[in-house]
Amino acid sequence: MLRVLIALPFLLVLILFSLSNRQPVTLAFWPTDFGLTMPLSLAILLAMAVAFLLGALVVWIPALAVRRRARRFERAAQRLEAQLAELKRTPPDSATPVAVR
């Protein structure tokens, strides 16, 4: 419900922006003769989407190493917890002296 309340005004602004900027604009790609004509609002929204995805990629790639390290530490902790549980289950050997502090 909170997501809807946050997303609704944002979507309303995007719709109003798209309806207000319908002038055709030609996008040309410099080293080539390729050009693309589209509404101004679509060109801006497309550029924003590409920038968002590139930014997400820049954040996501370094996070992969952190996540891998966290998974490795989690497995090590589970292994150590299993060893501790095993040691608690087995009775101490009476031949082994226990140091008292």
C-alpha atoms as a PDB file:
ATOM      1  CA  MET A   1       0.000   0.000   0.000  1.00  0.00           C
ATOM      2  CA  LEU A   2       2.834   2.373   0.824  1.00  0.00           C
ATOM      3  CA  ARG A   3       4.456   1.609  -2.539  1.00  0.00           C
ATOM      4  CA  VAL A   4       1.271   2.616  -4.322  1.00  0.00           C
ATOM      5  CA  LEU A   5       1.085   5.872  -2.386  1.00  0.00           C
ATOM      6  CA  ILE A   6       4.667   6.672  -3.354  1.00  0.00           C
ATOM      7  CA  ALA A   7       4.434   5.486  -6.966  1.00  0.00           C
ATOM      8  CA  LEU A   8       1.104   7.136  -7.803  1.00  0.00           C
ATOM      9  CA  PRO A   9       2.303  10.784  -7.692  1.00  0.00           C
ATOM     10  CA  PHE A  10       5.474   9.816  -9.560  1.00  0.00           C
ATOM     11  CA  LEU A  11       3.463   8.110 -12.309  1.00  0.00           C
ATOM     12  CA  LEU A  12       1.098  11.069 -12.482  1.00  0.00           C
ATOM     13  CA  VAL A  13       4.036  13.433 -13.060  1.00  0.00           C
ATOM     14  CA  LEU A  14       5.416  11.118 -15.772  1.00  0.00           C
ATOM     15  CA  ILE A  15       2.057  10.989 -17.549  1.00  0.00           C
ATOM     16  CA  LEU A  16       1.643  14.756 -17.400  1.00  0.00           C
ATOM     17  CA  PHE A  17       5.199  15.208 -18.677  1.00  0.00           C
ATOM     18  CA  SER A  18       4.547  12.841 -21.587  1.00  0.00           C
ATOM     19  CA  LEU A  19       1.311  14.568 -22.542  1.00  0.00           C
ATOM     20  CA  SER A  20       2.870  18.034 -22.331  1.00  0.00           C
ATOM     21  CA  ASN A  21       5.921  17.320 -24.530  1.00  0.00           C
ATOM     22  CA  ARG A  22       4.686  15.725 -27.724  1.00  0.00           C
ATOM     23  CA  GLN A  23       6.793  17.748 -30.180  1.00  0.00           C
ATOM     24  CA  PRO A  24       8.759  15.532 -32.549  1.00  0.00           C
ATOM     25  CA  VAL A  25      12.514  15.594 -32.158  1.00  0.00           C
ATOM     26  CA  THR A  26      15.157  13.890 -34.281  1.00  0.00           C
ATOM     27  CA  LEU A  27      17.976  12.131 -32.490  1.00  0.00           C
ATOM     28  CA  ALA A  28      21.087  11.700 -34.602  1.00  0.00           C
ATOM     29  CA  PHE A  29      24.021   9.491 -33.762  1.00  0.00           C
ATOM     30  CA  TRP A  30      27.145  11.403 -34.728  1.00  0.00           C
ATOM     31  CA  PRO A  31      29.564   9.106 -36.504  1.00  0.00           C
ATOM     32  CA  THR A  32      26.743   7.504 -38.475  1.00  0.00           C
ATOM     33  CA  ASP A  33      23.951   8.959 -40.578  1.00  0.00           C
ATOM     34  CA  PHE A  34      21.384   7.151 -38.453  1.00  0.00           C
ATOM     35  CA  GLY A  35      18.634   9.366 -37.087  1.00  0.00           C
ATOM     36  CA  LEU A  36      15.508   8.586 -35.149  1.00  0.00           C
ATOM     37  CA  THR A  37      12.418  10.797 -34.863  1.00  0.00           C
ATOM     38  CA  MET A  38      10.293  10.422 -31.759  1.00  0.00           C
ATOM     39  CA  PRO A  39       8.303  12.569 -29.343  1.00  0.00           C
ATOM     40  CA  LEU A  40      10.430  14.697 -27.014  1.00  0.00           C
ATOM     41  CA  SER A  41       8.965  13.125 -23.892  1.00  0.00           C
ATOM     42  CA  LEU A  42       9.831   9.625 -25.117  1.00  0.00           C
ATOM     43  CA  ALA A  43      13.402  10.677 -25.914  1.00  0.00           C
ATOM     44  CA  ILE A  44      13.875  12.170 -22.432  1.00  0.00           C
ATOM     45  CA  LEU A  45      12.237   9.230 -20.661  1.00  0.00           C
ATOM     46  CA  LEU A  46      14.348   6.805 -22.685  1.00  0.00           C
ATOM     47  CA  ALA A  47      17.528   8.683 -21.738  1.00  0.00           C
ATOM     48  CA  MET A  48      16.457   8.653 -18.077  1.00  0.00           C
ATOM     49  CA  ALA A  49      15.793   4.902 -18.213  1.00  0.00           C
ATOM     50  CA  VAL A  50      19.199   4.207 -19.755  1.00  0.00           C
ATOM     51  CA  ALA A  51      20.906   6.388 -17.127  1.00  0.00           C
ATOM     52  CA  PHE A  52      18.991   4.614 -14.345  1.00  0.00           C
ATOM     53  CA  LEU A  53      19.999   1.181 -15.627  1.00  0.00           C
ATOM     54  CA  LEU A  54      23.647   2.202 -15.999  1.00  0.00           C
ATOM     55  CA  GLY A  55      23.641   3.612 -12.461  1.00  0.00           C
ATOM     56  CA  ALA A  56      22.071   0.430 -11.120  1.00  0.00           C
ATOM     57  CA  LEU A  57      24.734  -1.603 -12.915  1.00  0.00           C
ATOM     58  CA  VAL A  58      27.506   0.535 -11.410  1.00  0.00           C
ATOM     59  CA  VAL A  59      26.110  -0.133  -7.926  1.00  0.00           C
ATOM     60  CA  TRP A  60      25.280  -3.810  -8.516  1.00  0.00           C
ATOM     61  CA  ILE A  61      28.682  -4.984  -9.808  1.00  0.00           C
ATOM     62  CA  PRO A  62      30.727  -4.039  -6.685  1.00  0.00           C
ATOM     63  CA  ALA A  63      27.979  -5.473  -4.485  1.00  0.00           C
ATOM     64  CA  LEU A  64      28.548  -8.907  -6.034  1.00  0.00           C
ATOM     65  CA  ALA A  65      31.908  -9.289  -4.266  1.00  0.00           C
ATOM     66  CA  VAL A  66      30.395  -8.221  -0.947  1.00  0.00           C
ATOM     67  CA  ARG A  67      27.526 -10.687  -1.318  1.00  0.00           C
ATOM     68  CA  ARG A  68      29.913 -13.509  -2.231  1.00  0.00           C
ATOM     69  CA  ARG A  69      32.014 -12.743   0.845  1.00  0.00           C
ATOM     70  CA  ALA A  70      28.913 -12.636   3.067  1.00  0.00           C
ATOM     71  CA  ARG A  71      27.748 -16.040   1.749  1.00  0.00           C
ATOM     72  CA  ARG A  72      31.192 -17.512   2.450  1.00  0.00           C
ATOM     73  CA  PHE A  73      31.140 -16.177   6.016  1.00  0.00           C
ATOM     74  CA  GLU A  74      27.603 -17.483   6.519  1.00  0.00           C
ATOM     75  CA  ARG A  75      28.652 -20.979   5.423  1.00  0.00           C
ATOM     76  CA  ALA A  76      31.664 -20.834   7.756  1.00  0.00           C
ATOM     77  CA  ALA A  77      29.440 -19.765  10.653  1.00  0.00           C
ATOM     78  CA  GLN A  78      27.014 -22.624   9.955  1.00  0.00           C
ATOM     79  CA  ARG A  79      29.915 -25.076   9.836  1.00  0.00           C
ATOM     80  CA  LEU A  80      31.268 -23.807  13.148  1.00  0.00           C
ATOM     81  CA  GLU A  81      27.806 -23.928  14.751  1.00  0.00           C
ATOM     82  CA  ALA A  82      27.431 -27.549  13.600  1.00  0.00           C
ATOM     83  CA  GLN A  83      30.844 -28.409  15.069  1.00  0.00           C
ATOM     84  CA  LEU A  84      29.905 -26.726  18.343  1.00  0.00           C
ATOM     85  CA  ALA A  85      26.617 -28.633  18.506  1.00  0.00           C
ATOM     86  CA  GLU A  86      28.495 -31.891  17.854  1.00  0.00           C
ATOM     87  CA  LEU A  87      30.995 -31.124  20.603  1.00  0.00           C
ATOM     88  CA  LYS A  88      28.164 -30.359  23.043  1.00  0.00           C
ATOM     89  CA  ARG A  89      26.455 -33.683  22.213  1.00  0.00           C
ATOM     90  CA  THR A  90      29.495 -35.894  22.749  1.00  0.00           C
ATOM     91  CA  PRO A  91      30.431 -36.535  26.391  1.00  0.00           C
ATOM     92  CA  PRO A  92      33.947 -35.524  27.359  1.00  0.00           C
ATOM     93  CA  ASP A  93      36.539 -38.297  27.370  1.00  0.00           C
ATOM     94  CA  SER A  94      37.335 -39.217  30.982  1.00  0.00           C
ATOM     95  CA  ALA A  95      40.996 -39.829  30.079  1.00  0.00           C
ATOM     96  CA  THR A  96      41.398 -36.238  28.945  1.00  0.00           C
ATOM     97  CA  PRO A  97      42.021 -33.897  31.869  1.00  0.00           C
ATOM     98  CA  VAL A  98      39.973 -30.722  31.898  1.00  0.00           C
ATOM     99  CA  ALA A  99      41.808 -27.582  32.887  1.00  0.00           C
ATOM    100  CA  VAL A 100      40.077 -25.623  35.615  1.00  0.00           C
ATOM    101  CA  ARG A 101      40.715 -21.929  35.847  1.00  0.00           C
END
